[in-house]
Amino acid sequence: MGYPEGTGPEFHVVYADETAGNLRTLLGPHTAYDLWHVDQTFTPNVPSTTFFWVLEMPESGGGDTAFTSLTAAYEALSPTFQRLLAPLSLFHTSASVGEIARVGQERALKEAVKTTHPLVIRHPVSGRPSLFVNPTIARRVEGLLPEESEALLRFLHEHIRSLDFGCRVRWEKGSVVVWDQRSAAHSAVPDFRDGERRHMVRLLPYGTIPEPAFPEIYEQPGAL
């Protein structure tokens, strides 16, 4: 992904039209196309406050963006389950679902950027704990067997999709949305007609290295 001339790598263009295609084109036939994620968590420092604005929307409408609060999702869990998650960490890789679809599995894995983050992090400003799950990028719990990891992440990925924690932004001319990647996930809604243009720009500055919400019980990868 390049960035516009005269800007920098924090600027990302999100574009769909009859030539570039859209999320449906990228992923192929599915019954649904929600792709919940947090942007670029495969580096030690992760994105922070993010600005997203619209330049052009599909003529027929649609192209909304859905958001979910990972802080509210954590707070909805029972204290017992929260304690279960506190010492765990997740393996994050740039070989995401979308990247594998775009360049192929072999190339995506070969060029992957990888890191590990706590599954429950503390926000550096508010101090509130938050689930730091990322369904497209973080797909393995360190220290668990594959079946255990898949079962836990399947529950968490379904949990964060709840309407109890989310909202849906309907873009209009001049709309700008600001959110914090350390406490919210999002998903495009590719419900517009094939070939229509959706042109967005995202400003994605990086923040700090995520810290565990409960360092006194957090265990480093491999220590389980």
C-alpha atoms as a PDB file:
ATOM      1  CA  MET A   1       0.000   0.000   0.000  1.00  0.00           C
ATOM      2  CA  GLY A   2       1.525   3.303  -1.074  1.00  0.00           C
ATOM      3  CA  TYR A   3       0.767   6.787   0.146  1.00  0.00           C
ATOM      4  CA  PRO A   4      -0.052  10.004  -1.751  1.00  0.00           C
ATOM      5  CA  GLU A   5       2.806  12.115  -3.061  1.00  0.00           C
ATOM      6  CA  GLY A   6       3.690  14.890  -0.658  1.00  0.00           C
ATOM      7  CA  THR A   7       2.411  12.997   2.408  1.00  0.00           C
ATOM      8  CA  GLY A   8       3.996  10.192   4.429  1.00  0.00           C
ATOM      9  CA  PRO A   9       3.468   6.545   5.424  1.00  0.00           C
ATOM     10  CA  GLU A  10       0.847   7.546   8.002  1.00  0.00           C
ATOM     11  CA  PHE A  11      -1.536   8.368   5.108  1.00  0.00           C
ATOM     12  CA  HIS A  12      -3.423   5.401   3.667  1.00  0.00           C
ATOM     13  CA  VAL A  13      -5.749   5.549   0.684  1.00  0.00           C
ATOM     14  CA  VAL A  14      -8.731   3.160   0.823  1.00  0.00           C
ATOM     15  CA  TYR A  15     -10.129   2.859  -2.683  1.00  0.00           C
ATOM     16  CA  ALA A  16     -12.597   0.734  -4.603  1.00  0.00           C
ATOM     17  CA  ASP A  17     -13.852   1.046  -8.190  1.00  0.00           C
ATOM     18  CA  GLU A  18     -14.430  -1.028 -11.333  1.00  0.00           C
ATOM     19  CA  THR A  19     -10.666  -1.533 -11.759  1.00  0.00           C
ATOM     20  CA  ALA A  20      -9.430  -1.888  -8.167  1.00  0.00           C
ATOM     21  CA  GLY A  21     -12.379  -4.015  -7.085  1.00  0.00           C
ATOM     22  CA  ASN A  22     -13.657  -4.094  -3.499  1.00  0.00           C
ATOM     23  CA  LEU A  23     -13.653  -6.371  -0.451  1.00  0.00           C
ATOM     24  CA  ARG A  24     -16.009  -8.847  -2.144  1.00  0.00           C
ATOM     25  CA  THR A  25     -13.638  -9.044  -5.107  1.00  0.00           C
ATOM     26  CA  LEU A  26     -10.656  -9.610  -2.806  1.00  0.00           C
ATOM     27  CA  LEU A  27     -12.168 -12.339  -0.633  1.00  0.00           C
ATOM     28  CA  GLY A  28     -14.302 -14.103  -3.248  1.00  0.00           C
ATOM     29  CA  PRO A  29     -17.820 -15.530  -2.742  1.00  0.00           C
ATOM     30  CA  HIS A  30     -19.058 -15.535   0.878  1.00  0.00           C
ATOM     31  CA  THR A  31     -22.404 -15.286   2.634  1.00  0.00           C
ATOM     32  CA  ALA A  32     -21.118 -12.287   4.648  1.00  0.00           C
ATOM     33  CA  TYR A  33     -18.149  -9.943   4.396  1.00  0.00           C
ATOM     34  CA  ASP A  34     -17.614  -8.473   7.845  1.00  0.00           C
ATOM     35  CA  LEU A  35     -13.868  -8.409   8.442  1.00  0.00           C
ATOM     36  CA  TRP A  36     -13.326  -7.146  11.977  1.00  0.00           C
ATOM     37  CA  HIS A  37      -9.805  -5.922  12.653  1.00  0.00           C
ATOM     38  CA  VAL A  38      -7.467  -3.421  14.246  1.00  0.00           C
ATOM     39  CA  ASP A  39      -5.053  -1.855  11.749  1.00  0.00           C
ATOM     40  CA  GLN A  40      -1.454  -3.078  11.572  1.00  0.00           C
ATOM     41  CA  THR A  41      -0.921  -4.634  15.002  1.00  0.00           C
ATOM     42  CA  PHE A  42       1.921  -6.802  13.694  1.00  0.00           C
ATOM     43  CA  THR A  43       4.590  -4.286  14.761  1.00  0.00           C
ATOM     44  CA  PRO A  44       5.861  -3.675  18.326  1.00  0.00           C
ATOM     45  CA  ASN A  45       4.366  -0.153  18.351  1.00  0.00           C
ATOM     46  CA  VAL A  46       0.732  -0.128  17.275  1.00  0.00           C
ATOM     47  CA  PRO A  47      -1.494   2.550  15.720  1.00  0.00           C
ATOM     48  CA  SER A  48      -3.156   4.972  18.126  1.00  0.00           C
ATOM     49  CA  THR A  49      -5.696   7.741  17.457  1.00  0.00           C
ATOM     50  CA  THR A  50      -6.846   7.361  13.851  1.00  0.00           C
ATOM     51  CA  PHE A  51      -8.579   9.798  11.486  1.00  0.00           C
ATOM     52  CA  PHE A  52     -10.700   8.465   8.613  1.00  0.00           C
ATOM     53  CA  TRP A  53     -12.544  10.659   6.126  1.00  0.00           C
ATOM     54  CA  VAL A  54     -14.491  10.324   2.911  1.00  0.00           C
ATOM     55  CA  LEU A  55     -13.629  11.843  -0.464  1.00  0.00           C
ATOM     56  CA  GLU A  56     -16.205  10.028  -2.602  1.00  0.00           C
ATOM     57  CA  MET A  57     -18.953   7.562  -1.775  1.00  0.00           C
ATOM     58  CA  PRO A  58     -20.779   5.023  -3.981  1.00  0.00           C
ATOM     59  CA  GLU A  59     -23.619   6.603  -5.970  1.00  0.00           C
ATOM     60  CA  SER A  60     -26.108   3.949  -4.858  1.00  0.00           C
ATOM     61  CA  GLY A  61     -25.243   4.407  -1.180  1.00  0.00           C
ATOM     62  CA  GLY A  62     -23.699   1.964   1.255  1.00  0.00           C
ATOM     63  CA  GLY A  63     -20.040   1.542   2.116  1.00  0.00           C
ATOM     64  CA  ASP A  64     -20.564   2.162   5.830  1.00  0.00           C
ATOM     65  CA  THR A  65     -17.963   1.328   8.485  1.00  0.00           C
ATOM     66  CA  ALA A  66     -18.882  -0.587  11.659  1.00  0.00           C
ATOM     67  CA  PHE A  67     -17.042  -0.127  14.958  1.00  0.00           C
ATOM     68  CA  THR A  68     -16.960  -2.122  18.196  1.00  0.00           C
ATOM     69  CA  SER A  69     -15.552  -1.158  21.586  1.00  0.00           C
ATOM     70  CA  LEU A  70     -12.952  -3.656  22.782  1.00  0.00           C
ATOM     71  CA  THR A  71     -13.025  -1.981  26.183  1.00  0.00           C
ATOM     72  CA  ALA A  72     -16.773  -2.536  26.584  1.00  0.00           C
ATOM     73  CA  ALA A  73     -16.366  -6.096  25.282  1.00  0.00           C
ATOM     74  CA  TYR A  74     -13.798  -6.803  28.004  1.00  0.00           C
ATOM     75  CA  GLU A  75     -15.949  -5.263  30.728  1.00  0.00           C
ATOM     76  CA  ALA A  76     -18.897  -7.488  29.722  1.00  0.00           C
ATOM     77  CA  LEU A  77     -16.940 -10.644  30.569  1.00  0.00           C
ATOM     78  CA  SER A  78     -17.238 -12.344  33.946  1.00  0.00           C
ATOM     79  CA  PRO A  79     -14.449 -11.691  36.494  1.00  0.00           C
ATOM     80  CA  THR A  80     -13.481 -15.361  36.275  1.00  0.00           C
ATOM     81  CA  PHE A  81     -13.076 -15.190  32.494  1.00  0.00           C
ATOM     82  CA  GLN A  82     -11.199 -11.899  32.752  1.00  0.00           C
ATOM     83  CA  ARG A  83      -8.681 -13.574  35.088  1.00  0.00           C
ATOM     84  CA  LEU A  84      -8.316 -16.418  32.601  1.00  0.00           C
ATOM     85  CA  LEU A  85      -7.338 -13.985  29.827  1.00  0.00           C
ATOM     86  CA  ALA A  86      -5.027 -11.731  31.853  1.00  0.00           C
ATOM     87  CA  PRO A  87      -1.792 -13.785  31.535  1.00  0.00           C
ATOM     88  CA  LEU A  88      -2.217 -14.620  27.835  1.00  0.00           C
ATOM     89  CA  SER A  89      -0.569 -13.147  24.744  1.00  0.00           C
ATOM     90  CA  LEU A  90      -1.423 -13.229  21.031  1.00  0.00           C
ATOM     91  CA  PHE A  91       0.811 -13.777  18.017  1.00  0.00           C
ATOM     92  CA  HIS A  92       0.215 -11.067  15.369  1.00  0.00           C
ATOM     93  CA  THR A  93       1.322 -11.358  11.733  1.00  0.00           C
ATOM     94  CA  SER A  94       1.030  -9.211   8.615  1.00  0.00           C
ATOM     95  CA  ALA A  95       0.040 -12.407   6.759  1.00  0.00           C
ATOM     96  CA  SER A  96      -3.576 -11.490   7.429  1.00  0.00           C
ATOM     97  CA  VAL A  97      -6.707 -12.873   5.800  1.00  0.00           C
ATOM     98  CA  GLY A  98      -6.761  -9.933   3.380  1.00  0.00           C
ATOM     99  CA  GLU A  99      -3.035 -10.016   2.608  1.00  0.00           C
ATOM    100  CA  ILE A 100      -3.116 -13.756   1.835  1.00  0.00           C
ATOM    101  CA  ALA A 101      -6.074 -13.148  -0.495  1.00  0.00           C
ATOM    102  CA  ARG A 102      -4.199 -10.271  -2.157  1.00  0.00           C
ATOM    103  CA  VAL A 103      -0.722 -11.770  -2.759  1.00  0.00           C
ATOM    104  CA  GLY A 104      -1.107 -15.499  -1.998  1.00  0.00           C
ATOM    105  CA  GLN A 105      -0.219 -17.506   1.090  1.00  0.00           C
ATOM    106  CA  GLU A 106       3.383 -18.343   0.153  1.00  0.00           C
ATOM    107  CA  ARG A 107       4.419 -14.734  -0.450  1.00  0.00           C
ATOM    108  CA  ALA A 108       2.428 -13.388   2.513  1.00  0.00           C
ATOM    109  CA  LEU A 109       4.093 -15.836   4.914  1.00  0.00           C
ATOM    110  CA  LYS A 110       7.556 -15.276   3.445  1.00  0.00           C
ATOM    111  CA  GLU A 111       7.333 -11.477   3.791  1.00  0.00           C
ATOM    112  CA  ALA A 112       5.419 -11.451   7.073  1.00  0.00           C
ATOM    113  CA  VAL A 113       6.176  -8.988   9.855  1.00  0.00           C
ATOM    114  CA  LYS A 114       5.445 -10.621  13.221  1.00  0.00           C
ATOM    115  CA  THR A 115       5.209  -9.735  16.896  1.00  0.00           C
ATOM    116  CA  THR A 116       3.424 -10.675  20.122  1.00  0.00           C
ATOM    117  CA  HIS A 117       1.134  -8.517  22.276  1.00  0.00           C
ATOM    118  CA  PRO A 118      -0.801  -9.105  25.513  1.00  0.00           C
ATOM    119  CA  LEU A 119      -4.342 -10.306  24.941  1.00  0.00           C
ATOM    120  CA  VAL A 120      -5.588  -7.790  27.523  1.00  0.00           C
ATOM    121  CA  ILE A 121      -3.895  -4.378  27.405  1.00  0.00           C
ATOM    122  CA  ARG A 122      -4.153  -1.225  29.498  1.00  0.00           C
ATOM    123  CA  HIS A 123      -4.871   2.004  27.650  1.00  0.00           C
ATOM    124  CA  PRO A 124      -1.905   4.367  28.156  1.00  0.00           C
ATOM    125  CA  VAL A 125      -4.172   7.368  28.862  1.00  0.00           C
ATOM    126  CA  SER A 126      -7.398   6.096  30.445  1.00  0.00           C
ATOM    127  CA  GLY A 127      -5.791   3.121  32.200  1.00  0.00           C
ATOM    128  CA  ARG A 128      -8.808   0.948  31.336  1.00  0.00           C
ATOM    129  CA  PRO A 129      -8.236  -2.700  30.313  1.00  0.00           C
ATOM    130  CA  SER A 130      -9.251  -3.719  26.812  1.00  0.00           C
ATOM    131  CA  LEU A 131      -9.321  -6.888  24.736  1.00  0.00           C
ATOM    132  CA  PHE A 132      -6.560  -6.641  22.156  1.00  0.00           C
ATOM    133  CA  VAL A 133      -7.942  -9.211  19.750  1.00  0.00           C
ATOM    134  CA  ASN A 134      -7.621  -8.841  15.999  1.00  0.00           C
ATOM    135  CA  PRO A 135      -9.479 -11.549  14.029  1.00  0.00           C
ATOM    136  CA  THR A 136      -7.626 -10.999  10.723  1.00  0.00           C
ATOM    137  CA  ILE A 137      -4.091 -10.562  12.107  1.00  0.00           C
ATOM    138  CA  ALA A 138      -3.822 -12.252  15.548  1.00  0.00           C
ATOM    139  CA  ARG A 139      -4.941 -15.852  15.197  1.00  0.00           C
ATOM    140  CA  ARG A 140      -2.881 -17.774  17.767  1.00  0.00           C
ATOM    141  CA  VAL A 141      -2.757 -17.664  21.556  1.00  0.00           C
ATOM    142  CA  GLU A 142       0.811 -18.281  22.674  1.00  0.00           C
ATOM    143  CA  GLY A 143       1.305 -21.343  24.859  1.00  0.00           C
ATOM    144  CA  LEU A 144      -1.991 -23.031  23.930  1.00  0.00           C
ATOM    145  CA  LEU A 145      -2.470 -26.042  21.703  1.00  0.00           C
ATOM    146  CA  PRO A 146      -4.056 -25.256  18.319  1.00  0.00           C
ATOM    147  CA  GLU A 147      -7.500 -26.576  19.282  1.00  0.00           C
ATOM    148  CA  GLU A 148      -7.446 -24.641  22.569  1.00  0.00           C
ATOM    149  CA  SER A 149      -6.364 -21.439  20.849  1.00  0.00           C
ATOM    150  CA  GLU A 150      -8.993 -21.775  18.116  1.00  0.00           C
ATOM    151  CA  ALA A 151     -11.794 -22.386  20.639  1.00  0.00           C
ATOM    152  CA  LEU A 152     -10.862 -19.365  22.761  1.00  0.00           C
ATOM    153  CA  LEU A 153     -10.416 -17.020  19.809  1.00  0.00           C
ATOM    154  CA  ARG A 154     -13.632 -18.227  18.183  1.00  0.00           C
ATOM    155  CA  PHE A 155     -15.523 -17.162  21.294  1.00  0.00           C
ATOM    156  CA  LEU A 156     -13.746 -13.798  21.556  1.00  0.00           C
ATOM    157  CA  HIS A 157     -14.209 -13.002  17.863  1.00  0.00           C
ATOM    158  CA  GLU A 158     -17.940 -13.690  18.100  1.00  0.00           C
ATOM    159  CA  HIS A 159     -18.134 -11.774  21.388  1.00  0.00           C
ATOM    160  CA  ILE A 160     -16.701  -8.498  20.046  1.00  0.00           C
ATOM    161  CA  ARG A 161     -19.220  -8.501  17.159  1.00  0.00           C
ATOM    162  CA  SER A 162     -22.121  -7.979  19.568  1.00  0.00           C
ATOM    163  CA  LEU A 163     -24.344  -4.970  18.878  1.00  0.00           C
ATOM    164  CA  ASP A 164     -24.038  -4.215  22.600  1.00  0.00           C
ATOM    165  CA  PHE A 165     -20.569  -2.756  21.998  1.00  0.00           C
ATOM    166  CA  GLY A 166     -20.795  -1.228  18.551  1.00  0.00           C
ATOM    167  CA  CYS A 167     -22.061   1.388  16.160  1.00  0.00           C
ATOM    168  CA  ARG A 168     -22.285   1.829  12.404  1.00  0.00           C
ATOM    169  CA  VAL A 169     -21.138   4.991  10.643  1.00  0.00           C
ATOM    170  CA  ARG A 170     -23.068   6.075   7.562  1.00  0.00           C
ATOM    171  CA  TRP A 171     -20.658   8.227   5.603  1.00  0.00           C
ATOM    172  CA  GLU A 172     -21.739  11.597   4.245  1.00  0.00           C
ATOM    173  CA  LYS A 173     -19.855  14.344   2.444  1.00  0.00           C
ATOM    174  CA  GLY A 174     -17.460  15.938   4.914  1.00  0.00           C
ATOM    175  CA  SER A 175     -17.631  13.078   7.432  1.00  0.00           C
ATOM    176  CA  VAL A 176     -14.541  12.507   9.577  1.00  0.00           C
ATOM    177  CA  VAL A 177     -14.375   9.731  12.169  1.00  0.00           C
ATOM    178  CA  VAL A 178     -11.755   9.611  14.922  1.00  0.00           C
ATOM    179  CA  TRP A 179     -11.131   6.487  16.996  1.00  0.00           C
ATOM    180  CA  ASP A 180      -8.419   4.825  19.055  1.00  0.00           C
ATOM    181  CA  GLN A 181      -7.079   1.596  17.586  1.00  0.00           C
ATOM    182  CA  ARG A 182      -6.036   0.435  21.081  1.00  0.00           C
ATOM    183  CA  SER A 183      -9.623   0.237  22.252  1.00  0.00           C
ATOM    184  CA  ALA A 184     -11.796  -0.308  19.160  1.00  0.00           C
ATOM    185  CA  ALA A 185     -11.983  -2.631  16.156  1.00  0.00           C
ATOM    186  CA  HIS A 186     -13.751  -1.901  12.879  1.00  0.00           C
ATOM    187  CA  SER A 187     -15.059  -3.538   9.726  1.00  0.00           C
ATOM    188  CA  ALA A 188     -15.905  -2.251   6.274  1.00  0.00           C
ATOM    189  CA  VAL A 189     -19.433  -2.916   4.989  1.00  0.00           C
ATOM    190  CA  PRO A 190     -19.034  -3.642   1.236  1.00  0.00           C
ATOM    191  CA  ASP A 191     -22.733  -3.454   0.430  1.00  0.00           C
ATOM    192  CA  PHE A 192     -22.452  -1.129  -2.572  1.00  0.00           C
ATOM    193  CA  ARG A 193     -22.669  -2.169  -6.207  1.00  0.00           C
ATOM    194  CA  ASP A 194     -19.684  -3.648  -8.001  1.00  0.00           C
ATOM    195  CA  GLY A 195     -17.785  -1.050 -10.020  1.00  0.00           C
ATOM    196  CA  GLU A 196     -18.878   1.927  -7.920  1.00  0.00           C
ATOM    197  CA  ARG A 197     -16.226   4.193  -6.460  1.00  0.00           C
ATOM    198  CA  ARG A 198     -15.537   4.455  -2.716  1.00  0.00           C
ATOM    199  CA  HIS A 199     -12.600   6.747  -1.983  1.00  0.00           C
ATOM    200  CA  MET A 200     -11.398   7.266   1.601  1.00  0.00           C
ATOM    201  CA  VAL A 201      -8.242   8.486   3.320  1.00  0.00           C
ATOM    202  CA  ARG A 202      -6.927   7.314   6.685  1.00  0.00           C
ATOM    203  CA  LEU A 203      -4.327   9.030   8.869  1.00  0.00           C
ATOM    204  CA  LEU A 204      -2.712   6.348  11.004  1.00  0.00           C
ATOM    205  CA  PRO A 205      -0.094   7.600  13.496  1.00  0.00           C
ATOM    206  CA  TYR A 206       1.659   5.036  15.652  1.00  0.00           C
ATOM    207  CA  GLY A 207       1.553   5.033  19.443  1.00  0.00           C
ATOM    208  CA  THR A 208       3.319   3.111  22.174  1.00  0.00           C
ATOM    209  CA  ILE A 209       4.068  -0.574  22.668  1.00  0.00           C
ATOM    210  CA  PRO A 210       0.959  -2.164  24.245  1.00  0.00           C
ATOM    211  CA  GLU A 211       1.387  -2.913  27.942  1.00  0.00           C
ATOM    212  CA  PRO A 212      -0.419  -5.736  29.768  1.00  0.00           C
ATOM    213  CA  ALA A 213      -3.416  -4.602  31.791  1.00  0.00           C
ATOM    214  CA  PHE A 214      -2.294  -6.726  34.725  1.00  0.00           C
ATOM    215  CA  PRO A 215       1.519  -6.941  34.644  1.00  0.00           C
ATOM    216  CA  GLU A 216       1.653  -8.716  37.981  1.00  0.00           C
ATOM    217  CA  ILE A 217       0.090 -11.834  36.421  1.00  0.00           C
ATOM    218  CA  TYR A 218       1.022 -11.407  32.772  1.00  0.00           C
ATOM    219  CA  GLU A 219       3.334 -14.099  31.465  1.00  0.00           C
ATOM    220  CA  GLN A 220       5.696 -13.649  28.548  1.00  0.00           C
ATOM    221  CA  PRO A 221       5.255 -15.915  25.468  1.00  0.00           C
ATOM    222  CA  GLY A 222       6.345 -19.454  26.148  1.00  0.00           C
ATOM    223  CA  ALA A 223       6.097 -19.156  29.918  1.00  0.00           C
ATOM    224  CA  LEU A 224       2.751 -20.970  30.206  1.00  0.00           C
END
